Amino acid sequence: MKKPAVKRGKMAKVMGEYKAGKLRSGSKTGPKVKDKKQAIAIGLKESGQSKTPRTTDTERSKREKRLSKVTF
Protein backbone atom coordinates (compact mmCIF):
# COMPACT_ATOMS: atom_id res chain seq x y z
CA MET A 1 0.00 0.00 0.00
CA LYS A 2 1.47 3.33 -1.06
CA LYS A 3 1.41 6.37 1.17
CA PRO A 4 -0.33 9.50 -0.12
CA ALA A 5 1.97 12.01 -1.79
CA VAL A 6 1.32 14.63 0.90
CA LYS A 7 2.58 12.35 3.66
CA ARG A 8 5.65 11.32 1.67
CA GLY A 9 6.38 14.98 0.88
CA LYS A 10 6.13 16.06 4.52
CA MET A 11 8.42 13.23 5.60
CA ALA A 12 10.92 14.12 2.86
CA LYS A 13 10.86 17.78 3.94
CA VAL A 14 11.58 16.90 7.57
CA MET A 15 14.41 14.52 6.67
CA GLY A 16 15.87 17.15 4.34
CA GLU A 17 15.90 19.64 7.22
CA TYR A 18 17.59 17.02 9.41
CA LYS A 19 20.32 16.33 6.82
CA ALA A 20 20.91 20.07 6.39
CA GLY A 21 21.18 20.48 10.17
CA LYS A 22 18.19 22.82 10.39
CA LEU A 23 15.62 20.54 12.08
CA ARG A 24 14.78 21.64 15.61
CA SER A 25 12.73 19.91 18.25
CA GLY A 26 9.80 21.69 19.83
CA SER A 27 9.96 25.08 18.15
CA LYS A 28 12.18 27.30 16.05
CA THR A 29 14.27 28.15 19.11
CA GLY A 30 14.51 24.57 20.44
CA PRO A 31 17.66 22.48 20.31
CA LYS A 32 18.81 21.04 16.99
CA VAL A 33 17.92 17.41 16.36
CA LYS A 34 21.06 15.26 16.18
CA ASP A 35 19.51 11.78 16.39
CA LYS A 36 18.13 10.20 13.21
CA LYS A 37 15.47 8.26 15.14
CA GLN A 38 14.19 11.49 16.68
CA ALA A 39 14.02 13.09 13.22
CA ILE A 40 11.99 10.13 11.94
CA ALA A 41 9.62 10.42 14.91
CA ILE A 42 9.11 14.13 14.23
CA GLY A 43 8.44 13.43 10.55
CA LEU A 44 5.90 10.71 11.32
CA LYS A 45 4.11 12.92 13.83
CA GLU A 46 3.93 15.91 11.46
CA SER A 47 2.72 13.80 8.53
CA GLY A 48 0.01 12.13 10.60
CA GLN A 49 1.44 8.62 10.32
CA SER A 50 2.29 8.29 14.00
CA LYS A 51 0.19 5.84 16.00
CA THR A 52 0.88 7.38 19.42
CA PRO A 53 -2.08 9.29 20.87
CA ARG A 54 -1.56 12.56 22.65
CA THR A 55 -2.40 12.55 26.34
CA THR A 56 -2.97 15.65 28.38
CA ASP A 57 -1.78 16.16 31.93
CA THR A 58 -5.31 15.76 33.27
CA GLU A 59 -5.76 12.42 31.51
CA ARG A 60 -2.43 11.24 32.87
CA SER A 61 -3.24 12.30 36.43
CA LYS A 62 -6.69 10.63 36.27
CA ARG A 63 -5.06 7.41 35.12
CA GLU A 64 -2.48 7.55 37.92
CA LYS A 65 -5.18 8.15 40.55
CA ARG A 66 -7.22 5.23 39.25
CA LEU A 67 -4.22 2.90 39.27
CA SER A 68 -3.16 3.97 42.77
CA LYS A 69 -6.53 2.78 44.17
CA VAL A 70 -6.13 -0.73 42.77
CA THR A 71 -5.10 -3.28 45.37
CA PHE A 72 -3.63 -6.68 44.65
PDB file of N, CA and C in Angstrom:
ATOM      1  N   MET A   1       0.836  -1.178   0.000  1.00  0.00           N
ATOM      2  CA  MET A   1       0.000   0.000   0.000  1.00  0.00           C
ATOM      3  C   MET A   1       0.885   1.248   0.000  1.00  0.00           C
ATOM      4  N   LYS A   2       0.661   2.127  -0.948  1.00  0.00           N
ATOM      5  CA  LYS A   2       1.472   3.334  -1.059  1.00  0.00           C
ATOM      6  C   LYS A   2       0.911   4.430  -0.160  1.00  0.00           C
ATOM      7  N   LYS A   3       1.815   5.238   0.338  1.00  0.00           N
ATOM      8  CA  LYS A   3       1.415   6.373   1.165  1.00  0.00           C
ATOM      9  C   LYS A   3       1.004   7.527   0.261  1.00  0.00           C
ATOM     10  N   PRO A   4       0.041   8.336   0.689  1.00  0.00           N
ATOM     11  CA  PRO A   4      -0.326   9.502  -0.115  1.00  0.00           C
ATOM     12  C   PRO A   4       0.868  10.436  -0.313  1.00  0.00           C
ATOM     13  N   ALA A   5       0.852  11.135  -1.427  1.00  0.00           N
ATOM     14  CA  ALA A   5       1.970  12.009  -1.787  1.00  0.00           C
ATOM     15  C   ALA A   5       2.212  13.094  -0.747  1.00  0.00           C
ATOM     16  N   VAL A   6       1.161  13.568  -0.096  1.00  0.00           N
ATOM     17  CA  VAL A   6       1.317  14.626   0.902  1.00  0.00           C
ATOM     18  C   VAL A   6       2.145  14.124   2.079  1.00  0.00           C
ATOM     19  N   LYS A   7       1.846  12.909   2.534  1.00  0.00           N
ATOM     20  CA  LYS A   7       2.578  12.354   3.658  1.00  0.00           C
ATOM     21  C   LYS A   7       4.032  12.092   3.308  1.00  0.00           C
ATOM     22  N   ARG A   8       4.266  11.567   2.096  1.00  0.00           N
ATOM     23  CA  ARG A   8       5.648  11.322   1.667  1.00  0.00           C
ATOM     24  C   ARG A   8       6.401  12.635   1.553  1.00  0.00           C
ATOM     25  N   GLY A   9       5.733  13.680   1.046  1.00  0.00           N
ATOM     26  CA  GLY A   9       6.379  14.975   0.880  1.00  0.00           C
ATOM     27  C   GLY A   9       6.749  15.609   2.204  1.00  0.00           C
ATOM     28  N   LYS A  10       5.862  15.487   3.193  1.00  0.00           N
ATOM     29  CA  LYS A  10       6.132  16.060   4.515  1.00  0.00           C
ATOM     30  C   LYS A  10       7.307  15.340   5.165  1.00  0.00           C
ATOM     31  N   MET A  11       7.327  14.011   5.032  1.00  0.00           N
ATOM     32  CA  MET A  11       8.422  13.230   5.602  1.00  0.00           C
ATOM     33  C   MET A  11       9.743  13.588   4.914  1.00  0.00           C
ATOM     34  N   ALA A  12       9.712  13.757   3.609  1.00  0.00           N
ATOM     35  CA  ALA A  12      10.921  14.121   2.858  1.00  0.00           C
ATOM     36  C   ALA A  12      11.413  15.502   3.271  1.00  0.00           C
ATOM     37  N   LYS A  13      10.483  16.423   3.522  1.00  0.00           N
ATOM     38  CA  LYS A  13      10.864  17.776   3.936  1.00  0.00           C
ATOM     39  C   LYS A  13      11.559  17.746   5.295  1.00  0.00           C
ATOM     40  N   VAL A  14      10.996  16.991   6.226  1.00  0.00           N
ATOM     41  CA  VAL A  14      11.576  16.900   7.573  1.00  0.00           C
ATOM     42  C   VAL A  14      12.961  16.259   7.516  1.00  0.00           C
ATOM     43  N   MET A  15      13.106  15.186   6.753  1.00  0.00           N
ATOM     44  CA  MET A  15      14.411  14.516   6.667  1.00  0.00           C
ATOM     45  C   MET A  15      15.431  15.398   5.941  1.00  0.00           C
ATOM     46  N   GLY A  16      14.967  16.209   4.997  1.00  0.00           N
ATOM     47  CA  GLY A  16      15.874  17.154   4.337  1.00  0.00           C
ATOM     48  C   GLY A  16      16.381  18.207   5.311  1.00  0.00           C
ATOM     49  N   GLU A  17      15.488  18.682   6.190  1.00  0.00           N
ATOM     50  CA  GLU A  17      15.898  19.636   7.221  1.00  0.00           C
ATOM     51  C   GLU A  17      16.901  18.992   8.170  1.00  0.00           C
ATOM     52  N   TYR A  18      16.674  17.725   8.500  1.00  0.00           N
ATOM     53  CA  TYR A  18      17.590  17.018   9.406  1.00  0.00           C
ATOM     54  C   TYR A  18      18.978  16.902   8.772  1.00  0.00           C
ATOM     55  N   LYS A  19      19.026  16.501   7.504  1.00  0.00           N
ATOM     56  CA  LYS A  19      20.316  16.333   6.819  1.00  0.00           C
ATOM     57  C   LYS A  19      21.053  17.658   6.680  1.00  0.00           C
ATOM     58  N   ALA A  20      20.297  18.750   6.514  1.00  0.00           N
ATOM     59  CA  ALA A  20      20.912  20.068   6.390  1.00  0.00           C
ATOM     60  C   ALA A  20      21.305  20.650   7.747  1.00  0.00           C
ATOM     61  N   GLY A  21      20.865  19.999   8.833  1.00  0.00           N
ATOM     62  CA  GLY A  21      21.180  20.480  10.174  1.00  0.00           C
ATOM     63  C   GLY A  21      20.279  21.607  10.638  1.00  0.00           C
ATOM     64  N   LYS A  22      19.090  21.724  10.041  1.00  0.00           N
ATOM     65  CA  LYS A  22      18.193  22.822  10.388  1.00  0.00           C
ATOM     66  C   LYS A  22      16.950  22.369  11.153  1.00  0.00           C
ATOM     67  N   LEU A  23      16.796  21.054  11.371  1.00  0.00           N
ATOM     68  CA  LEU A  23      15.621  20.540  12.075  1.00  0.00           C
ATOM     69  C   LEU A  23      15.789  20.777  13.575  1.00  0.00           C
ATOM     70  N   ARG A  24      14.752  21.358  14.175  1.00  0.00           N
ATOM     71  CA  ARG A  24      14.781  21.644  15.607  1.00  0.00           C
ATOM     72  C   ARG A  24      13.598  20.965  16.285  1.00  0.00           C
ATOM     73  N   SER A  25      13.804  20.559  17.514  1.00  0.00           N
ATOM     74  CA  SER A  25      12.725  19.910  18.249  1.00  0.00           C
ATOM     75  C   SER A  25      11.945  20.952  19.034  1.00  0.00           C
ATOM     76  N   GLY A  26      10.648  20.788  19.063  1.00  0.00           N
ATOM     77  CA  GLY A  26       9.799  21.691  19.832  1.00  0.00           C
ATOM     78  C   GLY A  26       9.380  22.909  19.048  1.00  0.00           C
ATOM     79  N   SER A  27      10.291  23.842  18.837  1.00  0.00           N
ATOM     80  CA  SER A  27       9.958  25.084  18.150  1.00  0.00           C
ATOM     81  C   SER A  27      11.182  25.571  17.380  1.00  0.00           C
ATOM     82  N   LYS A  28      11.062  26.752  16.818  1.00  0.00           N
ATOM     83  CA  LYS A  28      12.184  27.304  16.052  1.00  0.00           C
ATOM     84  C   LYS A  28      13.385  27.613  16.928  1.00  0.00           C
ATOM     85  N   THR A  29      13.163  27.809  18.214  1.00  0.00           N
ATOM     86  CA  THR A  29      14.265  28.145  19.112  1.00  0.00           C
ATOM     87  C   THR A  29      14.744  26.941  19.907  1.00  0.00           C
ATOM     88  N   GLY A  30      14.132  25.773  19.704  1.00  0.00           N
ATOM     89  CA  GLY A  30      14.511  24.572  20.436  1.00  0.00           C
ATOM     90  C   GLY A  30      15.870  24.055  19.985  1.00  0.00           C
ATOM     91  N   PRO A  31      16.350  23.033  20.683  1.00  0.00           N
ATOM     92  CA  PRO A  31      17.657  22.476  20.312  1.00  0.00           C
ATOM     93  C   PRO A  31      17.598  21.751  18.971  1.00  0.00           C
ATOM     94  N   LYS A  32      18.728  21.726  18.270  1.00  0.00           N
ATOM     95  CA  LYS A  32      18.805  21.041  16.985  1.00  0.00           C
ATOM     96  C   LYS A  32      18.725  19.535  17.210  1.00  0.00           C
ATOM     97  N   VAL A  33      18.059  18.857  16.284  1.00  0.00           N
ATOM     98  CA  VAL A  33      17.920  17.412  16.358  1.00  0.00           C
ATOM     99  C   VAL A  33      19.190  16.785  15.804  1.00  0.00           C
ATOM    100  N   LYS A  34      19.827  15.906  16.602  1.00  0.00           N
ATOM    101  CA  LYS A  34      21.061  15.258  16.176  1.00  0.00           C
ATOM    102  C   LYS A  34      20.888  13.755  16.002  1.00  0.00           C
ATOM    103  N   ASP A  35      19.766  13.212  16.461  1.00  0.00           N
ATOM    104  CA  ASP A  35      19.514  11.782  16.387  1.00  0.00           C
ATOM    105  C   ASP A  35      18.569  11.476  15.237  1.00  0.00           C
ATOM    106  N   LYS A  36      18.945  10.533  14.375  1.00  0.00           N
ATOM    107  CA  LYS A  36      18.131  10.204  13.208  1.00  0.00           C
ATOM    108  C   LYS A  36      16.776   9.632  13.617  1.00  0.00           C
ATOM    109  N   LYS A  37      16.737   8.836  14.684  1.00  0.00           N
ATOM    110  CA  LYS A  37      15.469   8.264  15.142  1.00  0.00           C
ATOM    111  C   LYS A  37      14.508   9.347  15.604  1.00  0.00           C
ATOM    112  N   GLN A  38      15.039  10.381  16.244  1.00  0.00           N
ATOM    113  CA  GLN A  38      14.187  11.489  16.681  1.00  0.00           C
ATOM    114  C   GLN A  38      13.652  12.244  15.460  1.00  0.00           C
ATOM    115  N   ALA A  39      14.476  12.411  14.436  1.00  0.00           N
ATOM    116  CA  ALA A  39      14.025  13.086  13.216  1.00  0.00           C
ATOM    117  C   ALA A  39      12.914  12.291  12.538  1.00  0.00           C
ATOM    118  N   ILE A  40      13.030  10.968  12.523  1.00  0.00           N
ATOM    119  CA  ILE A  40      11.990  10.126  11.937  1.00  0.00           C
ATOM    120  C   ILE A  40      10.705  10.256  12.729  1.00  0.00           C
ATOM    121  N   ALA A  41      10.806  10.275  14.060  1.00  0.00           N
ATOM    122  CA  ALA A  41       9.621  10.417  14.906  1.00  0.00           C
ATOM    123  C   ALA A  41       8.924  11.751  14.667  1.00  0.00           C
ATOM    124  N   ILE A  42       9.685  12.813  14.506  1.00  0.00           N
ATOM    125  CA  ILE A  42       9.109  14.134  14.229  1.00  0.00           C
ATOM    126  C   ILE A  42       8.405  14.121  12.879  1.00  0.00           C
ATOM    127  N   GLY A  43       9.037  13.511  11.875  1.00  0.00           N
ATOM    128  CA  GLY A  43       8.441  13.429  10.546  1.00  0.00           C
ATOM    129  C   GLY A  43       7.140  12.639  10.537  1.00  0.00           C
ATOM    130  N   LEU A  44       7.117  11.525  11.251  1.00  0.00           N
ATOM    131  CA  LEU A  44       5.899  10.712  11.324  1.00  0.00           C
ATOM    132  C   LEU A  44       4.785  11.470  12.020  1.00  0.00           C
ATOM    133  N   LYS A  45       5.124  12.174  13.085  1.00  0.00           N
ATOM    134  CA  LYS A  45       4.113  12.920  13.827  1.00  0.00           C
ATOM    135  C   LYS A  45       3.535  14.050  12.970  1.00  0.00           C
ATOM    136  N   GLU A  46       4.387  14.788  12.280  1.00  0.00           N
ATOM    137  CA  GLU A  46       3.926  15.908  11.463  1.00  0.00           C
ATOM    138  C   GLU A  46       3.115  15.450  10.253  1.00  0.00           C
ATOM    139  N   SER A  47       3.443  14.278   9.703  1.00  0.00           N
ATOM    140  CA  SER A  47       2.715  13.799   8.527  1.00  0.00           C
ATOM    141  C   SER A  47       1.452  13.029   8.892  1.00  0.00           C
ATOM    142  N   GLY A  48       1.234  12.807  10.170  1.00  0.00           N
ATOM    143  CA  GLY A  48       0.010  12.128  10.605  1.00  0.00           C
ATOM    144  C   GLY A  48       0.090  10.624  10.524  1.00  0.00           C
ATOM    145  N   GLN A  49       1.276  10.063  10.413  1.00  0.00           N
ATOM    146  CA  GLN A  49       1.438   8.618  10.324  1.00  0.00           C
ATOM    147  C   GLN A  49       1.733   7.986  11.676  1.00  0.00           C
ATOM    148  N   SER A  50       1.950   8.802  12.686  1.00  0.00           N
ATOM    149  CA  SER A  50       2.285   8.291  14.005  1.00  0.00           C
ATOM    150  C   SER A  50       1.070   7.653  14.646  1.00  0.00           C
ATOM    151  N   LYS A  51       1.277   6.558  15.352  1.00  0.00           N
ATOM    152  CA  LYS A  51       0.186   5.839  16.001  1.00  0.00           C
ATOM    153  C   LYS A  51       0.052   6.206  17.478  1.00  0.00           C
ATOM    154  N   THR A  52       0.922   7.060  17.996  1.00  0.00           N
ATOM    155  CA  THR A  52       0.877   7.384  19.417  1.00  0.00           C
ATOM    156  C   THR A  52      -0.139   8.488  19.671  1.00  0.00           C
ATOM    157  N   PRO A  53      -1.097   8.246  20.559  1.00  0.00           N
ATOM    158  CA  PRO A  53      -2.080   9.286  20.872  1.00  0.00           C
ATOM    159  C   PRO A  53      -1.492  10.317  21.820  1.00  0.00           C
ATOM    160  N   ARG A  54      -1.994  11.510  21.736  1.00  0.00           N
ATOM    161  CA  ARG A  54      -1.563  12.559  22.649  1.00  0.00           C
ATOM    162  C   ARG A  54      -2.357  12.444  23.936  1.00  0.00           C
ATOM    163  N   THR A  55      -1.696  12.559  25.060  1.00  0.00           N
ATOM    164  CA  THR A  55      -2.397  12.552  26.337  1.00  0.00           C
ATOM    165  C   THR A  55      -2.113  13.863  27.047  1.00  0.00           C
ATOM    166  N   THR A  56      -3.131  14.403  27.645  1.00  0.00           N
ATOM    167  CA  THR A  56      -2.970  15.651  28.378  1.00  0.00           C
ATOM    168  C   THR A  56      -2.579  15.343  29.818  1.00  0.00           C
ATOM    169  N   ASP A  57      -2.171  16.353  30.536  1.00  0.00           N
ATOM    170  CA  ASP A  57      -1.779  16.164  31.925  1.00  0.00           C
ATOM    171  C   ASP A  57      -2.948  15.686  32.780  1.00  0.00           C
ATOM    172  N   THR A  58      -4.150  16.172  32.472  1.00  0.00           N
ATOM    173  CA  THR A  58      -5.306  15.763  33.273  1.00  0.00           C
ATOM    174  C   THR A  58      -5.638  14.298  33.032  1.00  0.00           C
ATOM    175  N   GLU A  59      -5.522  13.832  31.784  1.00  0.00           N
ATOM    176  CA  GLU A  59      -5.758  12.418  31.506  1.00  0.00           C
ATOM    177  C   GLU A  59      -4.741  11.551  32.220  1.00  0.00           C
ATOM    178  N   ARG A  60      -3.497  11.991  32.228  1.00  0.00           N
ATOM    179  CA  ARG A  60      -2.430  11.237  32.865  1.00  0.00           C
ATOM    180  C   ARG A  60      -2.649  11.168  34.376  1.00  0.00           C
ATOM    181  N   SER A  61      -3.031  12.296  34.989  1.00  0.00           N
ATOM    182  CA  SER A  61      -3.242  12.300  36.432  1.00  0.00           C
ATOM    183  C   SER A  61      -4.455  11.464  36.817  1.00  0.00           C
ATOM    184  N   LYS A  62      -5.514  11.468  36.005  1.00  0.00           N
ATOM    185  CA  LYS A  62      -6.686  10.633  36.268  1.00  0.00           C
ATOM    186  C   LYS A  62      -6.304   9.159  36.228  1.00  0.00           C
ATOM    187  N   ARG A  63      -5.492   8.792  35.246  1.00  0.00           N
ATOM    188  CA  ARG A  63      -5.063   7.405  35.119  1.00  0.00           C
ATOM    189  C   ARG A  63      -4.230   6.992  36.332  1.00  0.00           C
ATOM    190  N   GLU A  64      -3.321   7.860  36.776  1.00  0.00           N
ATOM    191  CA  GLU A  64      -2.476   7.545  37.923  1.00  0.00           C
ATOM    192  C   GLU A  64      -3.317   7.406  39.194  1.00  0.00           C
ATOM    193  N   LYS A  65      -4.313   8.248  39.380  1.00  0.00           N
ATOM    194  CA  LYS A  65      -5.179   8.145  40.548  1.00  0.00           C
ATOM    195  C   LYS A  65      -5.949   6.834  40.536  1.00  0.00           C
ATOM    196  N   ARG A  66      -6.450   6.456  39.366  1.00  0.00           N
ATOM    197  CA  ARG A  66      -7.220   5.229  39.252  1.00  0.00           C
ATOM    198  C   ARG A  66      -6.346   4.021  39.543  1.00  0.00           C
ATOM    199  N   LEU A  67      -5.112   4.032  39.051  1.00  0.00           N
ATOM    200  CA  LEU A  67      -4.215   2.904  39.271  1.00  0.00           C
ATOM    201  C   LEU A  67      -3.714   2.830  40.712  1.00  0.00           C
ATOM    202  N   SER A  68      -3.625   3.970  41.386  1.00  0.00           N
ATOM    203  CA  SER A  68      -3.157   3.966  42.767  1.00  0.00           C
ATOM    204  C   SER A  68      -4.182   3.359  43.719  1.00  0.00           C
ATOM    205  N   LYS A  69      -5.471   3.349  43.334  1.00  0.00           N
ATOM    206  CA  LYS A  69      -6.529   2.784  44.169  1.00  0.00           C
ATOM    207  C   LYS A  69      -6.631   1.262  44.035  1.00  0.00           C
ATOM    208  N   VAL A  70      -6.038   0.708  43.010  1.00  0.00           N
ATOM    209  CA  VAL A  70      -6.129  -0.727  42.768  1.00  0.00           C
ATOM    210  C   VAL A  70      -5.255  -1.460  43.789  1.00  0.00           C
ATOM    211  N   THR A  71      -5.846  -2.464  44.423  1.00  0.00           N
ATOM    212  CA  THR A  71      -5.097  -3.284  45.375  1.00  0.00           C
ATOM    213  C   THR A  71      -4.983  -4.695  44.855  1.00  0.00           C
ATOM    214  N   PHE A  72      -3.876  -5.316  45.140  1.00  0.00           N
ATOM    215  CA  PHE A  72      -3.629  -6.676  44.653  1.00  0.00           C
ATOM    216  C   PHE A  72      -3.657  -7.665  45.773  1.00  0.00           C
TER     217      PHE A  72
END
